[in-house]
């Protein structure tokens, strides 16, 4: 048997009272941009993190259609060497092991 919720037992939602969530509108939909150009590097940099990763829709606020176009444009710009695959100054880290790798000379 399902329990009915009373007004004092309502479910709490993130985002403040009455479930008001800040709604982000797609930048490209606002400006009525149909296709995203991979050569427009300054615009694409907004959708890339400091490490060089493509930011998600949740972060950018782009709609699904335009987010797919952004990802394709970033990948094309990387291939044409307009955007880096990895940001400069980011050091590579070894995956595991937790320690220094020893060679035969170190023993």
Protein backbone atom coordinates (compact mmCIF):
# COMPACT_ATOMS: atom_id res chain seq x y z
CA UNK A 1 0.00 0.00 0.00
CA UNK A 2 1.50 3.35 -1.07
CA UNK A 3 1.74 6.12 1.47
CA UNK A 4 0.40 9.52 0.56
CA UNK A 5 2.57 12.55 1.18
CA UNK A 6 1.23 15.39 3.23
CA UNK A 7 2.21 19.01 2.68
CA UNK A 8 4.84 18.79 5.46
CA UNK A 9 6.38 15.64 3.98
CA UNK A 10 7.10 16.96 0.50
CA UNK A 11 10.26 15.87 -1.16
CA UNK A 12 13.22 18.23 -0.90
CA UNK A 13 14.71 19.27 -4.22
CA UNK A 14 18.03 20.97 -4.81
CA UNK A 15 17.99 24.50 -6.11
CA UNK A 16 16.09 26.33 -3.43
CA UNK A 17 12.43 26.58 -2.52
CA UNK A 18 9.77 24.96 -4.70
CA UNK A 19 12.37 23.33 -6.95
CA UNK A 20 13.42 26.50 -8.75
CA UNK A 21 16.45 25.51 -10.79
CA UNK A 22 18.46 28.09 -12.70
CA UNK A 23 17.66 27.35 -16.32
CA UNK A 24 20.44 27.89 -18.83
CA UNK A 25 19.56 28.58 -22.39
CA UNK A 26 21.74 27.48 -25.24
CA UNK A 27 24.02 30.27 -26.50
CA UNK A 28 23.70 29.05 -30.08
CA UNK A 29 19.91 28.82 -29.94
CA UNK A 30 19.70 32.39 -28.59
CA UNK A 31 21.80 33.72 -31.48
CA UNK A 32 20.01 31.45 -33.97
CA UNK A 33 23.23 29.74 -35.08
CA UNK A 34 22.49 26.60 -37.09
CA UNK A 35 25.97 25.25 -37.72
CA UNK A 36 29.07 25.62 -35.54
CA UNK A 37 32.24 26.37 -37.46
CA UNK A 38 35.40 24.54 -36.42
CA UNK A 39 37.53 27.49 -37.59
CA UNK A 40 36.02 29.81 -34.97
CA UNK A 41 38.57 28.88 -32.30
CA UNK A 42 37.75 31.73 -29.90
CA UNK A 43 34.17 30.49 -29.63
CA UNK A 44 35.21 26.85 -29.20
CA UNK A 45 37.64 27.67 -26.36
CA UNK A 46 34.65 28.40 -24.13
CA UNK A 47 33.68 24.72 -24.38
CA UNK A 48 37.10 23.30 -23.46
CA UNK A 49 38.45 22.90 -19.92
CA UNK A 50 41.88 24.04 -18.77
CA UNK A 51 43.21 20.53 -19.36
CA UNK A 52 41.84 20.47 -22.89
CA UNK A 53 38.80 18.27 -22.33
CA UNK A 54 35.43 19.03 -23.90
CA UNK A 55 33.04 20.29 -21.23
CA UNK A 56 29.69 18.56 -20.76
CA UNK A 57 26.25 19.93 -21.53
CA UNK A 58 25.56 20.23 -17.85
CA UNK A 59 28.43 22.71 -17.50
CA UNK A 60 28.14 24.60 -20.80
CA UNK A 61 24.37 24.91 -20.91
CA UNK A 62 24.24 24.00 -24.60
CA UNK A 63 21.31 22.05 -25.98
CA UNK A 64 21.87 18.47 -27.13
CA UNK A 65 22.01 19.33 -30.82
CA UNK A 66 24.54 22.11 -30.41
CA UNK A 67 26.65 20.17 -27.89
CA UNK A 68 27.11 17.41 -30.47
CA UNK A 69 28.13 20.04 -33.03
CA UNK A 70 30.55 21.61 -30.53
CA UNK A 71 32.19 18.24 -29.87
CA UNK A 72 32.54 17.56 -33.60
CA UNK A 73 33.92 21.06 -34.23
CA UNK A 74 36.45 20.74 -31.40
CA UNK A 75 37.62 17.38 -32.73
CA UNK A 76 38.01 18.81 -36.23
CA UNK A 77 39.87 21.86 -34.92
CA UNK A 78 42.22 19.58 -33.00
CA UNK A 79 42.86 17.53 -36.13
CA UNK A 80 43.67 20.71 -38.09
CA UNK A 81 45.98 21.86 -35.24
CA UNK A 82 43.82 24.89 -34.42
CA UNK A 83 43.22 23.61 -30.89
CA UNK A 84 45.53 21.52 -28.71
CA UNK A 85 44.65 18.00 -27.64
CA UNK A 86 46.17 18.70 -24.22
CA UNK A 87 46.77 22.07 -22.60
CA UNK A 88 50.36 23.25 -22.28
CA UNK A 89 51.97 22.93 -18.87
CA UNK A 90 49.88 19.95 -17.78
CA UNK A 91 52.21 17.26 -16.52
CA UNK A 92 51.59 13.63 -17.31
CA UNK A 93 51.03 11.43 -14.31
CA UNK A 94 51.62 7.73 -14.12
CA UNK A 95 48.44 5.71 -13.74
CA UNK A 96 49.24 3.65 -10.70
CA UNK A 97 51.93 2.07 -8.62
CA UNK A 98 52.19 5.04 -6.33
CA UNK A 99 55.95 5.05 -6.36
CA UNK A 100 59.01 5.86 -8.34
CA UNK A 101 59.94 3.49 -11.11
CA UNK A 102 63.31 1.87 -10.57
CA UNK A 103 65.73 0.84 -13.27
CA UNK A 104 68.57 -1.63 -12.98
CA UNK A 105 71.03 1.21 -12.42
CA UNK A 106 69.14 2.37 -9.32
CA UNK A 107 69.52 -0.94 -7.49
